[in-house]
Amino acid sequence: MSANNENPESDLLIQEVDEDLRREQYIKLWRAYGKYAIAGALLIVLGVAGHQLWLSWRAQQFQKTAAAFASAEDLIGAGKNNEAEARLTEIAQGNQTGFAMVAAFRKAQMQTEGGDAAGAAATYDALAKSDAPSVFRDLAILKGALLTLDSADPEALQKKILPLAEAGNPWHFTATELLALLANRRGDKDGALSTYKKLADDAAAPQDIRARAVDMIAALGGGTAAAKPEKG
């Protein structure tokens, strides 16, 4: 038989000593690190609560901004354009990025329809410099360029549009068409014809852009580069 079985009292004593030692170690660890454990637990609780509060606040702000945008559309429908524009300006300057962008585009559209081309161009310029997604910033550049095609410096406009005409940009074909218009405005007929012919012959270009390119080639006396695409 083992020594343990021969001395059960000794076994109990050893177990009690081991438990006391472990208890002392736990107490020392708790005294040393317990406050950090409590702090960590509080951080987790506060982090979860804070996240929930932020989500709730964001939902409330979204609903508030959505209601403001809807009221602006109602004002437009009622013919109260000045009030509507003021409301859209307020939304465009707010923190709801998506609504801010849509409100700015809507405001520029109103300004254009109201004959305020300079105001619309300024709104598009602000959009182009905003933190909106690049595809919409580029769209704002193009819309602003169209509005100022006959008034702005052609060289300055070309610098803005050239990067958008690169292959791979979503607005590649529209930007290329604008470059052709700019070339024609500068009196560079050959440059305009060359650009229009590239567009007319590019099967990947949208049909309406190819059709306009063919019309412009004929208008500029360049003959026919390709058959005019049929609109589907």
C-alpha atoms as a PDB file:
ATOM      1  CA  MET A   1       0.000   0.000   0.000  1.00  0.00           C
ATOM      2  CA  SER A   2       1.166   3.558  -0.672  1.00  0.00           C
ATOM      3  CA  ALA A   3       2.260   6.044   1.952  1.00  0.00           C
ATOM      4  CA  ASN A   4      -0.766   8.169   1.200  1.00  0.00           C
ATOM      5  CA  ASN A   5      -3.159   5.438   2.167  1.00  0.00           C
ATOM      6  CA  GLU A   6      -1.169   4.716   5.306  1.00  0.00           C
ATOM      7  CA  ASN A   7      -1.386   8.420   6.424  1.00  0.00           C
ATOM      8  CA  PRO A   8      -4.795   9.857   5.524  1.00  0.00           C
ATOM      9  CA  GLU A   9      -4.304  12.668   8.069  1.00  0.00           C
ATOM     10  CA  SER A  10      -1.130  13.741   6.227  1.00  0.00           C
ATOM     11  CA  ASP A  11      -2.970  13.739   2.907  1.00  0.00           C
ATOM     12  CA  LEU A  12      -5.674  16.034   4.287  1.00  0.00           C
ATOM     13  CA  LEU A  13      -3.085  18.358   5.736  1.00  0.00           C
ATOM     14  CA  ILE A  14      -1.217  18.559   2.430  1.00  0.00           C
ATOM     15  CA  GLN A  15      -4.458  19.302   0.561  1.00  0.00           C
ATOM     16  CA  GLU A  16      -5.347  22.081   3.021  1.00  0.00           C
ATOM     17  CA  VAL A  17      -1.885  23.587   2.678  1.00  0.00           C
ATOM     18  CA  ASP A  18      -2.116  23.453  -1.125  1.00  0.00           C
ATOM     19  CA  GLU A  19      -5.518  25.118  -1.047  1.00  0.00           C
ATOM     20  CA  ASP A  20      -4.232  27.839   1.303  1.00  0.00           C
ATOM     21  CA  LEU A  21      -1.281  28.472  -0.989  1.00  0.00           C
ATOM     22  CA  ARG A  22      -3.522  28.704  -4.048  1.00  0.00           C
ATOM     23  CA  ARG A  23      -5.877  30.996  -2.162  1.00  0.00           C
ATOM     24  CA  GLU A  24      -2.985  33.260  -1.206  1.00  0.00           C
ATOM     25  CA  GLN A  25      -1.828  33.333  -4.825  1.00  0.00           C
ATOM     26  CA  TYR A  26      -5.323  34.254  -6.035  1.00  0.00           C
ATOM     27  CA  ILE A  27      -5.572  37.006  -3.429  1.00  0.00           C
ATOM     28  CA  LYS A  28      -2.178  38.405  -4.443  1.00  0.00           C
ATOM     29  CA  LEU A  29      -3.135  38.279  -8.116  1.00  0.00           C
ATOM     30  CA  TRP A  30      -6.472  39.954  -7.429  1.00  0.00           C
ATOM     31  CA  ARG A  31      -4.834  42.684  -5.366  1.00  0.00           C
ATOM     32  CA  ALA A  32      -2.299  43.254  -8.129  1.00  0.00           C
ATOM     33  CA  TYR A  33      -4.519  42.944 -11.190  1.00  0.00           C
ATOM     34  CA  GLY A  34      -8.120  42.937  -9.998  1.00  0.00           C
ATOM     35  CA  LYS A  35      -8.609  46.632 -10.706  1.00  0.00           C
ATOM     36  CA  TYR A  36      -7.552  46.044 -14.300  1.00  0.00           C
ATOM     37  CA  ALA A  37     -10.028  43.220 -14.644  1.00  0.00           C
ATOM     38  CA  ILE A  38     -12.805  45.470 -13.336  1.00  0.00           C
ATOM     39  CA  ALA A  39     -11.699  48.293 -15.630  1.00  0.00           C
ATOM     40  CA  GLY A  40     -11.614  45.921 -18.604  1.00  0.00           C
ATOM     41  CA  ALA A  41     -15.107  44.659 -17.827  1.00  0.00           C
ATOM     42  CA  LEU A  42     -16.380  48.225 -17.497  1.00  0.00           C
ATOM     43  CA  LEU A  43     -14.783  49.166 -20.809  1.00  0.00           C
ATOM     44  CA  ILE A  44     -16.527  46.274 -22.525  1.00  0.00           C
ATOM     45  CA  VAL A  45     -19.890  47.235 -20.994  1.00  0.00           C
ATOM     46  CA  LEU A  46     -19.417  50.925 -21.786  1.00  0.00           C
ATOM     47  CA  GLY A  47     -18.198  50.091 -25.283  1.00  0.00           C
ATOM     48  CA  VAL A  48     -21.304  48.036 -26.043  1.00  0.00           C
ATOM     49  CA  ALA A  49     -23.596  50.641 -24.489  1.00  0.00           C
ATOM     50  CA  GLY A  50     -21.806  53.453 -26.330  1.00  0.00           C
ATOM     51  CA  HIS A  51     -22.092  51.638 -29.644  1.00  0.00           C
ATOM     52  CA  GLN A  52     -25.802  51.100 -29.123  1.00  0.00           C
ATOM     53  CA  LEU A  53     -26.288  54.760 -28.223  1.00  0.00           C
ATOM     54  CA  TRP A  54     -24.344  55.814 -31.330  1.00  0.00           C
ATOM     55  CA  LEU A  55     -26.446  53.542 -33.549  1.00  0.00           C
ATOM     56  CA  SER A  56     -29.598  54.986 -32.032  1.00  0.00           C
ATOM     57  CA  TRP A  57     -28.353  58.573 -32.520  1.00  0.00           C
ATOM     58  CA  ARG A  58     -27.367  57.838 -36.119  1.00  0.00           C
ATOM     59  CA  ALA A  59     -30.792  56.356 -36.871  1.00  0.00           C
ATOM     60  CA  GLN A  60     -32.470  59.438 -35.369  1.00  0.00           C
ATOM     61  CA  GLN A  61     -30.246  61.776 -37.395  1.00  0.00           C
ATOM     62  CA  PHE A  62     -30.934  59.785 -40.557  1.00  0.00           C
ATOM     63  CA  GLN A  63     -34.681  59.993 -40.010  1.00  0.00           C
ATOM     64  CA  LYS A  64     -34.435  63.701 -39.233  1.00  0.00           C
ATOM     65  CA  THR A  65     -32.412  64.412 -42.381  1.00  0.00           C
ATOM     66  CA  ALA A  66     -34.695  62.237 -44.509  1.00  0.00           C
ATOM     67  CA  ALA A  67     -37.703  64.212 -43.265  1.00  0.00           C
ATOM     68  CA  ALA A  68     -35.920  67.505 -44.029  1.00  0.00           C
ATOM     69  CA  PHE A  69     -35.108  66.353 -47.560  1.00  0.00           C
ATOM     70  CA  ALA A  70     -38.711  65.246 -48.114  1.00  0.00           C
ATOM     71  CA  SER A  71     -39.929  68.649 -46.916  1.00  0.00           C
ATOM     72  CA  ALA A  72     -37.551  70.350 -49.370  1.00  0.00           C
ATOM     73  CA  GLU A  73     -39.083  68.334 -52.209  1.00  0.00           C
ATOM     74  CA  ASP A  74     -42.538  69.369 -50.984  1.00  0.00           C
ATOM     75  CA  LEU A  75     -41.458  73.012 -51.054  1.00  0.00           C
ATOM     76  CA  ILE A  76     -40.206  72.575 -54.635  1.00  0.00           C
ATOM     77  CA  GLY A  77     -43.539  71.041 -55.584  1.00  0.00           C
ATOM     78  CA  ALA A  78     -45.316  74.011 -54.022  1.00  0.00           C
ATOM     79  CA  GLY A  79     -43.182  76.432 -56.018  1.00  0.00           C
ATOM     80  CA  LYS A  80     -41.365  77.750 -52.921  1.00  0.00           C
ATOM     81  CA  ASN A  81     -37.949  77.429 -54.500  1.00  0.00           C
ATOM     82  CA  ASN A  82     -36.133  79.917 -52.269  1.00  0.00           C
ATOM     83  CA  GLU A  83     -37.221  78.077 -49.124  1.00  0.00           C
ATOM     84  CA  ALA A  84     -36.432  74.739 -50.744  1.00  0.00           C
ATOM     85  CA  GLU A  85     -32.941  75.862 -51.735  1.00  0.00           C
ATOM     86  CA  ALA A  86     -32.269  77.093 -48.201  1.00  0.00           C
ATOM     87  CA  ARG A  87     -33.394  73.722 -46.823  1.00  0.00           C
ATOM     88  CA  LEU A  88     -31.219  71.830 -49.311  1.00  0.00           C
ATOM     89  CA  THR A  89     -28.232  74.032 -48.464  1.00  0.00           C
ATOM     90  CA  GLU A  90     -28.670  73.184 -44.792  1.00  0.00           C
ATOM     91  CA  ILE A  91     -28.788  69.468 -45.546  1.00  0.00           C
ATOM     92  CA  ALA A  92     -25.802  69.698 -47.903  1.00  0.00           C
ATOM     93  CA  GLN A  93     -23.738  71.238 -45.109  1.00  0.00           C
ATOM     94  CA  GLY A  94     -24.776  68.602 -42.577  1.00  0.00           C
ATOM     95  CA  ASN A  95     -23.092  65.414 -41.360  1.00  0.00           C
ATOM     96  CA  GLN A  96     -25.261  62.918 -43.214  1.00  0.00           C
ATOM     97  CA  THR A  97     -22.842  62.353 -46.092  1.00  0.00           C
ATOM     98  CA  GLY A  98     -25.283  60.519 -48.363  1.00  0.00           C
ATOM     99  CA  PHE A  99     -28.070  63.044 -47.917  1.00  0.00           C
ATOM    100  CA  ALA A 100     -25.608  65.936 -48.082  1.00  0.00           C
ATOM    101  CA  MET A 101     -24.436  64.766 -51.491  1.00  0.00           C
ATOM    102  CA  VAL A 102     -27.940  64.191 -52.862  1.00  0.00           C
ATOM    103  CA  ALA A 103     -29.106  67.551 -51.504  1.00  0.00           C
ATOM    104  CA  ALA A 104     -26.171  69.322 -53.178  1.00  0.00           C
ATOM    105  CA  PHE A 105     -26.921  67.709 -56.546  1.00  0.00           C
ATOM    106  CA  ARG A 106     -30.608  68.594 -56.160  1.00  0.00           C
ATOM    107  CA  LYS A 107     -29.724  72.175 -55.277  1.00  0.00           C
ATOM    108  CA  ALA A 108     -27.465  72.483 -58.337  1.00  0.00           C
ATOM    109  CA  GLN A 109     -30.265  71.108 -60.511  1.00  0.00           C
ATOM    110  CA  MET A 110     -32.649  73.727 -59.106  1.00  0.00           C
ATOM    111  CA  GLN A 111     -30.123  76.485 -59.723  1.00  0.00           C
ATOM    112  CA  THR A 112     -29.583  75.325 -63.299  1.00  0.00           C
ATOM    113  CA  GLU A 113     -33.308  75.171 -64.006  1.00  0.00           C
ATOM    114  CA  GLY A 114     -33.690  78.619 -62.460  1.00  0.00           C
ATOM    115  CA  GLY A 115     -31.052  80.107 -64.756  1.00  0.00           C
ATOM    116  CA  ASP A 116     -28.412  80.517 -62.056  1.00  0.00           C
ATOM    117  CA  ALA A 117     -25.586  78.788 -63.944  1.00  0.00           C
ATOM    118  CA  ALA A 118     -22.888  80.451 -61.846  1.00  0.00           C
ATOM    119  CA  GLY A 119     -24.528  79.322 -58.607  1.00  0.00           C
ATOM    120  CA  ALA A 120     -24.962  75.782 -59.932  1.00  0.00           C
ATOM    121  CA  ALA A 121     -21.328  75.680 -61.057  1.00  0.00           C
ATOM    122  CA  ALA A 122     -20.231  76.785 -57.575  1.00  0.00           C
ATOM    123  CA  THR A 123     -22.359  74.054 -56.008  1.00  0.00           C
ATOM    124  CA  TYR A 124     -20.843  71.433 -58.301  1.00  0.00           C
ATOM    125  CA  ASP A 125     -17.370  72.749 -57.534  1.00  0.00           C
ATOM    126  CA  ALA A 126     -18.010  72.328 -53.792  1.00  0.00           C
ATOM    127  CA  LEU A 127     -19.266  68.800 -54.441  1.00  0.00           C
ATOM    128  CA  ALA A 128     -16.159  67.978 -56.449  1.00  0.00           C
ATOM    129  CA  LYS A 129     -14.031  69.019 -53.459  1.00  0.00           C
ATOM    130  CA  SER A 130     -16.146  67.198 -50.862  1.00  0.00           C
ATOM    131  CA  ASP A 131     -15.605  63.782 -49.281  1.00  0.00           C
ATOM    132  CA  ALA A 132     -18.288  62.193 -51.466  1.00  0.00           C
ATOM    133  CA  PRO A 133     -17.328  58.961 -53.305  1.00  0.00           C
ATOM    134  CA  SER A 134     -15.003  59.663 -56.232  1.00  0.00           C
ATOM    135  CA  VAL A 135     -17.547  58.619 -58.864  1.00  0.00           C
ATOM    136  CA  PHE A 136     -19.867  61.413 -57.683  1.00  0.00           C
ATOM    137  CA  ARG A 137     -17.075  63.956 -57.311  1.00  0.00           C
ATOM    138  CA  ASP A 138     -16.138  63.227 -60.926  1.00  0.00           C
ATOM    139  CA  LEU A 139     -19.767  63.590 -61.980  1.00  0.00           C
ATOM    140  CA  ALA A 140     -19.870  66.999 -60.285  1.00  0.00           C
ATOM    141  CA  ILE A 141     -16.762  68.050 -62.236  1.00  0.00           C
ATOM    142  CA  LEU A 142     -18.395  67.042 -65.513  1.00  0.00           C
ATOM    143  CA  LYS A 143     -21.688  68.775 -64.731  1.00  0.00           C
ATOM    144  CA  GLY A 144     -19.866  71.928 -63.713  1.00  0.00           C
ATOM    145  CA  ALA A 145     -17.767  71.779 -66.887  1.00  0.00           C
ATOM    146  CA  LEU A 146     -20.874  71.496 -69.047  1.00  0.00           C
ATOM    147  CA  LEU A 147     -22.351  74.576 -67.383  1.00  0.00           C
ATOM    148  CA  THR A 148     -19.209  76.639 -67.907  1.00  0.00           C
ATOM    149  CA  LEU A 149     -18.181  75.257 -71.293  1.00  0.00           C
ATOM    150  CA  ASP A 150     -18.745  78.608 -73.020  1.00  0.00           C
ATOM    151  CA  SER A 151     -17.490  80.855 -70.220  1.00  0.00           C
ATOM    152  CA  ALA A 152     -14.605  79.205 -68.356  1.00  0.00           C
ATOM    153  CA  ASP A 153     -11.007  79.096 -69.507  1.00  0.00           C
ATOM    154  CA  PRO A 154     -10.722  76.114 -71.906  1.00  0.00           C
ATOM    155  CA  GLU A 155      -7.255  75.175 -70.662  1.00  0.00           C
ATOM    156  CA  ALA A 156      -8.419  75.120 -67.037  1.00  0.00           C
ATOM    157  CA  LEU A 157     -11.434  73.008 -67.967  1.00  0.00           C
ATOM    158  CA  GLN A 158      -9.271  70.602 -69.936  1.00  0.00           C
ATOM    159  CA  LYS A 159      -7.016  70.047 -66.925  1.00  0.00           C
ATOM    160  CA  LYS A 160     -10.080  69.148 -64.841  1.00  0.00           C
ATOM    161  CA  ILE A 161     -11.555  66.797 -67.429  1.00  0.00           C
ATOM    162  CA  LEU A 162      -8.452  64.993 -68.740  1.00  0.00           C
ATOM    163  CA  PRO A 163      -8.067  62.633 -65.736  1.00  0.00           C
ATOM    164  CA  LEU A 164     -11.704  61.583 -66.121  1.00  0.00           C
ATOM    165  CA  ALA A 165     -11.189  60.689 -69.784  1.00  0.00           C
ATOM    166  CA  GLU A 166      -8.692  57.967 -68.906  1.00  0.00           C
ATOM    167  CA  ALA A 167      -9.720  54.384 -69.637  1.00  0.00           C
ATOM    168  CA  GLY A 168     -11.242  52.763 -66.586  1.00  0.00           C
ATOM    169  CA  ASN A 169     -12.947  55.870 -65.279  1.00  0.00           C
ATOM    170  CA  PRO A 170     -16.759  55.383 -65.145  1.00  0.00           C
ATOM    171  CA  TRP A 171     -17.193  58.718 -66.947  1.00  0.00           C
ATOM    172  CA  HIS A 172     -14.520  58.013 -69.590  1.00  0.00           C
ATOM    173  CA  PHE A 173     -16.773  58.451 -72.628  1.00  0.00           C
ATOM    174  CA  THR A 174     -18.619  61.521 -71.337  1.00  0.00           C
ATOM    175  CA  ALA A 175     -15.331  63.190 -70.419  1.00  0.00           C
ATOM    176  CA  THR A 176     -13.913  62.354 -73.856  1.00  0.00           C
ATOM    177  CA  GLU A 177     -16.922  63.932 -75.521  1.00  0.00           C
ATOM    178  CA  LEU A 178     -16.413  67.065 -73.441  1.00  0.00           C
ATOM    179  CA  LEU A 179     -12.779  67.199 -74.528  1.00  0.00           C
ATOM    180  CA  ALA A 180     -13.937  67.138 -78.153  1.00  0.00           C
ATOM    181  CA  LEU A 181     -16.320  70.022 -77.445  1.00  0.00           C
ATOM    182  CA  LEU A 182     -13.493  71.963 -75.810  1.00  0.00           C
ATOM    183  CA  ALA A 183     -11.210  71.330 -78.770  1.00  0.00           C
ATOM    184  CA  ASN A 184     -13.862  72.651 -81.112  1.00  0.00           C
ATOM    185  CA  ARG A 185     -14.381  75.712 -78.925  1.00  0.00           C
ATOM    186  CA  ARG A 186     -10.649  76.461 -79.057  1.00  0.00           C
ATOM    187  CA  GLY A 187     -10.807  76.270 -82.838  1.00  0.00           C
ATOM    188  CA  ASP A 188      -8.932  72.969 -82.954  1.00  0.00           C
ATOM    189  CA  LYS A 189     -11.154  71.401 -85.596  1.00  0.00           C
ATOM    190  CA  ASP A 190      -8.742  68.558 -86.378  1.00  0.00           C
ATOM    191  CA  GLY A 191      -8.430  67.660 -82.700  1.00  0.00           C
ATOM    192  CA  ALA A 192     -12.196  67.691 -82.263  1.00  0.00           C
ATOM    193  CA  LEU A 193     -12.735  65.526 -85.363  1.00  0.00           C
ATOM    194  CA  SER A 194     -10.100  63.040 -84.240  1.00  0.00           C
ATOM    195  CA  THR A 195     -11.739  62.672 -80.815  1.00  0.00           C
ATOM    196  CA  TYR A 196     -15.238  62.378 -82.264  1.00  0.00           C
ATOM    197  CA  LYS A 197     -14.061  59.683 -84.708  1.00  0.00           C
ATOM    198  CA  LYS A 198     -12.593  57.661 -81.850  1.00  0.00           C
ATOM    199  CA  LEU A 199     -15.902  57.862 -80.023  1.00  0.00           C
ATOM    200  CA  ALA A 200     -17.949  57.020 -83.129  1.00  0.00           C
ATOM    201  CA  ASP A 201     -15.819  53.960 -83.869  1.00  0.00           C
ATOM    202  CA  ASP A 202     -15.707  52.680 -80.282  1.00  0.00           C
ATOM    203  CA  ALA A 203     -18.244  49.887 -79.931  1.00  0.00           C
ATOM    204  CA  ALA A 204     -17.952  50.102 -76.144  1.00  0.00           C
ATOM    205  CA  ALA A 205     -19.162  53.707 -76.081  1.00  0.00           C
ATOM    206  CA  PRO A 206     -22.826  54.349 -75.195  1.00  0.00           C
ATOM    207  CA  GLN A 207     -25.034  54.565 -78.286  1.00  0.00           C
ATOM    208  CA  ASP A 208     -26.186  58.136 -77.614  1.00  0.00           C
ATOM    209  CA  ILE A 209     -22.581  59.359 -77.360  1.00  0.00           C
ATOM    210  CA  ARG A 210     -21.604  57.534 -80.569  1.00  0.00           C
ATOM    211  CA  ALA A 211     -24.641  58.988 -82.348  1.00  0.00           C
ATOM    212  CA  ARG A 212     -23.751  62.527 -81.273  1.00  0.00           C
ATOM    213  CA  ALA A 213     -20.155  61.936 -82.349  1.00  0.00           C
ATOM    214  CA  VAL A 214     -21.299  60.930 -85.854  1.00  0.00           C
ATOM    215  CA  ASP A 215     -23.523  64.024 -86.037  1.00  0.00           C
ATOM    216  CA  MET A 216     -20.652  66.264 -84.966  1.00  0.00           C
ATOM    217  CA  ILE A 217     -18.289  64.705 -87.514  1.00  0.00           C
ATOM    218  CA  ALA A 218     -20.791  65.536 -90.231  1.00  0.00           C
ATOM    219  CA  ALA A 219     -21.363  69.030 -88.839  1.00  0.00           C
ATOM    220  CA  LEU A 220     -17.621  69.704 -88.838  1.00  0.00           C
ATOM    221  CA  GLY A 221     -17.310  68.494 -92.425  1.00  0.00           C
ATOM    222  CA  GLY A 222     -15.338  65.402 -91.543  1.00  0.00           C
ATOM    223  CA  GLY A 223     -17.447  62.943 -93.492  1.00  0.00           C
ATOM    224  CA  THR A 224     -18.686  59.750 -91.868  1.00  0.00           C
ATOM    225  CA  ALA A 225     -16.294  57.767 -89.681  1.00  0.00           C
ATOM    226  CA  ALA A 226     -18.762  54.997 -88.955  1.00  0.00           C
ATOM    227  CA  ALA A 227     -22.371  54.156 -89.470  1.00  0.00           C
ATOM    228  CA  LYS A 228     -24.581  55.969 -87.027  1.00  0.00           C
ATOM    229  CA  PRO A 229     -25.545  53.447 -84.327  1.00  0.00           C
ATOM    230  CA  GLU A 230     -29.196  52.690 -83.981  1.00  0.00           C
ATOM    231  CA  LYS A 231     -30.769  53.533 -80.662  1.00  0.00           C
ATOM    232  CA  GLY A 232     -32.116  50.466 -78.972  1.00  0.00           C
END
